[in-house]
Amino acid sequence: MAQDFDRAMREGLADAIGFVGGALAGWWLGRQFGIDFIASDDWNVQQMGALVLIVVGCGVGRWVARRLMLKDKP
């Protein structure tokens, strides 16, 4: 039971770090392209592209964090 709890805690931590880090990376990347989804009050194609970058960043960040934090662990 302790191993299950330990694995669940590592998975939860990896998810949290991955989602937040990935979202921040996606937001930063959008700002480098000159589109800032957070600070804009418009809804246009550029803003949707910036939102897609943030969402993709969340997924990629979670995937990377899980790969790094859970490798070689039962």
C-alpha atoms as a PDB file:
ATOM      1  CA  MET A   1       0.000   0.000   0.000  1.00  0.00           C
ATOM      2  CA  ALA A   2       2.860   2.372   0.714  1.00  0.00           C
ATOM      3  CA  GLN A   3       4.222   1.808  -2.791  1.00  0.00           C
ATOM      4  CA  ASP A   4       0.835   2.678  -4.305  1.00  0.00           C
ATOM      5  CA  PHE A   5       0.692   5.889  -2.277  1.00  0.00           C
ATOM      6  CA  ASP A   6       4.266   6.787  -3.215  1.00  0.00           C
ATOM      7  CA  ARG A   7       3.582   6.255  -6.918  1.00  0.00           C
ATOM      8  CA  ALA A   8       0.331   8.242  -6.748  1.00  0.00           C
ATOM      9  CA  MET A   9       2.131  11.137  -5.056  1.00  0.00           C
ATOM     10  CA  ARG A  10       4.890  11.099  -7.704  1.00  0.00           C
ATOM     11  CA  GLU A  11       2.301  11.025 -10.492  1.00  0.00           C
ATOM     12  CA  GLY A  12       0.354  13.906  -8.958  1.00  0.00           C
ATOM     13  CA  LEU A  13       3.490  15.972  -8.487  1.00  0.00           C
ATOM     14  CA  ALA A  14       4.636  15.249 -12.033  1.00  0.00           C
ATOM     15  CA  ASP A  15       1.211  16.241 -13.394  1.00  0.00           C
ATOM     16  CA  ALA A  16       1.145  19.499 -11.436  1.00  0.00           C
ATOM     17  CA  ILE A  17       4.679  20.511 -12.379  1.00  0.00           C
ATOM     18  CA  GLY A  18       4.156  19.462 -15.986  1.00  0.00           C
ATOM     19  CA  PHE A  19       0.864  21.292 -16.457  1.00  0.00           C
ATOM     20  CA  VAL A  20       2.029  24.545 -14.886  1.00  0.00           C
ATOM     21  CA  GLY A  21       5.487  24.487 -16.448  1.00  0.00           C
ATOM     22  CA  GLY A  22       4.117  23.559 -19.854  1.00  0.00           C
ATOM     23  CA  ALA A  23       1.455  26.252 -19.739  1.00  0.00           C
ATOM     24  CA  LEU A  24       4.047  28.866 -18.816  1.00  0.00           C
ATOM     25  CA  ALA A  25       6.324  27.665 -21.610  1.00  0.00           C
ATOM     26  CA  GLY A  26       3.453  27.836 -24.126  1.00  0.00           C
ATOM     27  CA  TRP A  27       2.513  31.323 -22.951  1.00  0.00           C
ATOM     28  CA  TRP A  28       6.140  32.447 -23.202  1.00  0.00           C
ATOM     29  CA  LEU A  29       6.417  31.000 -26.705  1.00  0.00           C
ATOM     30  CA  GLY A  30       3.284  32.859 -27.775  1.00  0.00           C
ATOM     31  CA  ARG A  31       4.720  36.094 -26.408  1.00  0.00           C
ATOM     32  CA  GLN A  32       7.876  35.514 -28.435  1.00  0.00           C
ATOM     33  CA  PHE A  33       5.681  35.385 -31.539  1.00  0.00           C
ATOM     34  CA  GLY A  34       4.064  38.665 -30.479  1.00  0.00           C
ATOM     35  CA  ILE A  35       0.738  37.279 -29.264  1.00  0.00           C
ATOM     36  CA  ASP A  36      -0.219  37.391 -25.599  1.00  0.00           C
ATOM     37  CA  PHE A  37      -3.388  35.457 -24.840  1.00  0.00           C
ATOM     38  CA  ILE A  38      -3.451  36.424 -21.155  1.00  0.00           C
ATOM     39  CA  ALA A  39      -3.216  40.209 -21.590  1.00  0.00           C
ATOM     40  CA  SER A  40      -5.512  40.515 -24.623  1.00  0.00           C
ATOM     41  CA  ASP A  41      -9.245  41.108 -24.527  1.00  0.00           C
ATOM     42  CA  ASP A  42      -9.776  40.231 -28.201  1.00  0.00           C
ATOM     43  CA  TRP A  43     -10.910  36.910 -29.626  1.00  0.00           C
ATOM     44  CA  ASN A  44      -9.286  36.482 -33.016  1.00  0.00           C
ATOM     45  CA  VAL A  45      -7.249  33.884 -34.874  1.00  0.00           C
ATOM     46  CA  GLN A  46      -3.964  35.001 -33.314  1.00  0.00           C
ATOM     47  CA  GLN A  47      -5.404  34.703 -29.812  1.00  0.00           C
ATOM     48  CA  MET A  48      -6.726  31.230 -30.598  1.00  0.00           C
ATOM     49  CA  GLY A  49      -3.259  30.253 -31.808  1.00  0.00           C
ATOM     50  CA  ALA A  50      -1.785  31.515 -28.544  1.00  0.00           C
ATOM     51  CA  LEU A  51      -4.360  29.513 -26.594  1.00  0.00           C
ATOM     52  CA  VAL A  52      -3.458  26.398 -28.584  1.00  0.00           C
ATOM     53  CA  LEU A  53       0.213  26.949 -27.686  1.00  0.00           C
ATOM     54  CA  ILE A  54      -0.715  27.086 -23.993  1.00  0.00           C
ATOM     55  CA  VAL A  55      -2.854  23.938 -24.180  1.00  0.00           C
ATOM     56  CA  VAL A  56      -0.226  22.006 -26.140  1.00  0.00           C
ATOM     57  CA  GLY A  57       2.375  23.209 -23.644  1.00  0.00           C
ATOM     58  CA  CYS A  58       0.280  21.720 -20.820  1.00  0.00           C
ATOM     59  CA  GLY A  59       0.166  18.330 -22.503  1.00  0.00           C
ATOM     60  CA  VAL A  60       3.820  18.256 -23.493  1.00  0.00           C
ATOM     61  CA  GLY A  61       4.898  19.498 -20.074  1.00  0.00           C
ATOM     62  CA  ARG A  62       2.901  16.751 -18.352  1.00  0.00           C
ATOM     63  CA  TRP A  63       4.323  14.123 -20.663  1.00  0.00           C
ATOM     64  CA  VAL A  64       7.926  15.294 -20.109  1.00  0.00           C
ATOM     65  CA  ALA A  65       7.494  15.583 -16.334  1.00  0.00           C
ATOM     66  CA  ARG A  66       6.065  12.076 -16.095  1.00  0.00           C
ATOM     67  CA  ARG A  67       8.880  10.668 -18.236  1.00  0.00           C
ATOM     68  CA  LEU A  68      11.520  12.344 -16.073  1.00  0.00           C
ATOM     69  CA  MET A  69       9.978  11.740 -12.639  1.00  0.00           C
ATOM     70  CA  LEU A  70       8.625   8.225 -13.151  1.00  0.00           C
ATOM     71  CA  LYS A  71      11.295   6.540 -15.244  1.00  0.00           C
ATOM     72  CA  ASP A  72      12.606   3.259 -13.855  1.00  0.00           C
ATOM     73  CA  LYS A  73      10.026   3.315 -11.064  1.00  0.00           C
ATOM     74  CA  PRO A  74       7.508   0.506 -10.500  1.00  0.00           C
END
